[in-house]
Protein backbone atom coordinates (compact mmCIF):
# COMPACT_ATOMS: atom_id res chain seq x y z
CA MET A 1 0.00 0.00 0.00
CA PRO A 2 2.76 2.54 0.71
CA VAL A 3 4.17 1.80 -2.75
CA ILE A 4 0.87 2.89 -4.31
CA GLY A 5 0.99 6.05 -2.22
CA CYS A 6 4.52 6.79 -3.41
CA LEU A 7 3.48 6.36 -7.01
CA LEU A 8 0.47 8.59 -6.47
CA LEU A 9 2.76 11.33 -5.11
CA ILE A 10 4.04 11.66 -8.67
CA VAL A 11 0.95 10.80 -10.70
CA LEU A 12 -1.82 12.80 -8.99
CA PRO A 13 -0.08 16.20 -9.06
CA LEU A 14 0.73 15.69 -12.74
CA LEU A 15 -2.87 14.74 -13.51
CA GLY A 16 -4.10 17.76 -11.55
CA LEU A 17 -1.63 20.00 -13.34
CA ALA A 18 -2.74 18.78 -16.75
CA GLY A 19 -6.45 18.84 -15.94
CA GLY A 20 -6.39 22.22 -14.26
CA GLY A 21 -4.28 23.71 -17.01
CA PHE A 22 -6.59 22.35 -19.68
CA LEU A 23 -9.76 23.58 -18.01
CA TRP A 24 -8.72 26.85 -16.32
CA GLY A 25 -5.29 27.87 -17.61
CA ALA A 26 -2.19 28.62 -15.57
CA GLU A 27 -4.01 29.40 -12.32
CA GLY A 28 -6.03 26.21 -12.59
CA ALA A 29 -2.85 24.23 -13.19
CA LYS A 30 -1.41 25.50 -9.91
CA TRP A 31 -4.57 24.64 -8.00
CA GLY A 32 -4.89 21.27 -9.71
CA ALA A 33 -1.31 20.30 -8.92
CA GLY A 34 -1.71 21.42 -5.30
CA SER A 35 -4.94 19.54 -4.77
CA GLY A 36 -3.52 16.45 -6.47
CA PHE A 37 -0.51 16.58 -4.17
CA ALA A 38 -2.72 17.01 -1.10
CA LEU A 39 -4.85 14.03 -2.12
CA ALA A 40 -1.72 11.96 -2.74
CA LEU A 41 -0.41 12.82 0.73
CA VAL A 42 -3.70 11.67 2.28
CA VAL A 43 -3.60 8.37 0.38
CA PHE A 44 0.06 7.89 1.31
CA GLY A 45 -0.67 8.59 4.96
CA VAL A 46 -3.59 6.17 5.12
CA GLY A 47 -1.56 3.47 3.37
CA SER A 48 1.41 3.98 5.66
CA TYR A 49 -0.82 3.90 8.72
CA ALA A 50 -2.39 0.62 7.58
CA PHE A 51 1.05 -0.81 6.87
CA VAL A 52 2.36 0.07 10.33
CA LYS A 53 -0.80 -1.26 12.01
CA GLY A 54 -0.42 -4.50 10.07
CA ILE A 55 3.18 -4.96 11.16
CA ARG A 56 2.43 -4.22 14.82
CA GLY A 57 -0.56 -6.55 14.80
CA ARG A 58 1.57 -9.63 14.26
């Protein structure tokens, strides 16, 4: 799960950058990249938390 979160740290900001830039120009690209990065951090945090809980549960 943390591996997926690491991959999303690269992919989601790029998707947000492209989507925001396509729809709303330069300002939208900034907001899209920022929101994609924030979402990726949340997914990474949840995955890391589940990973640590799984290791400690053994």
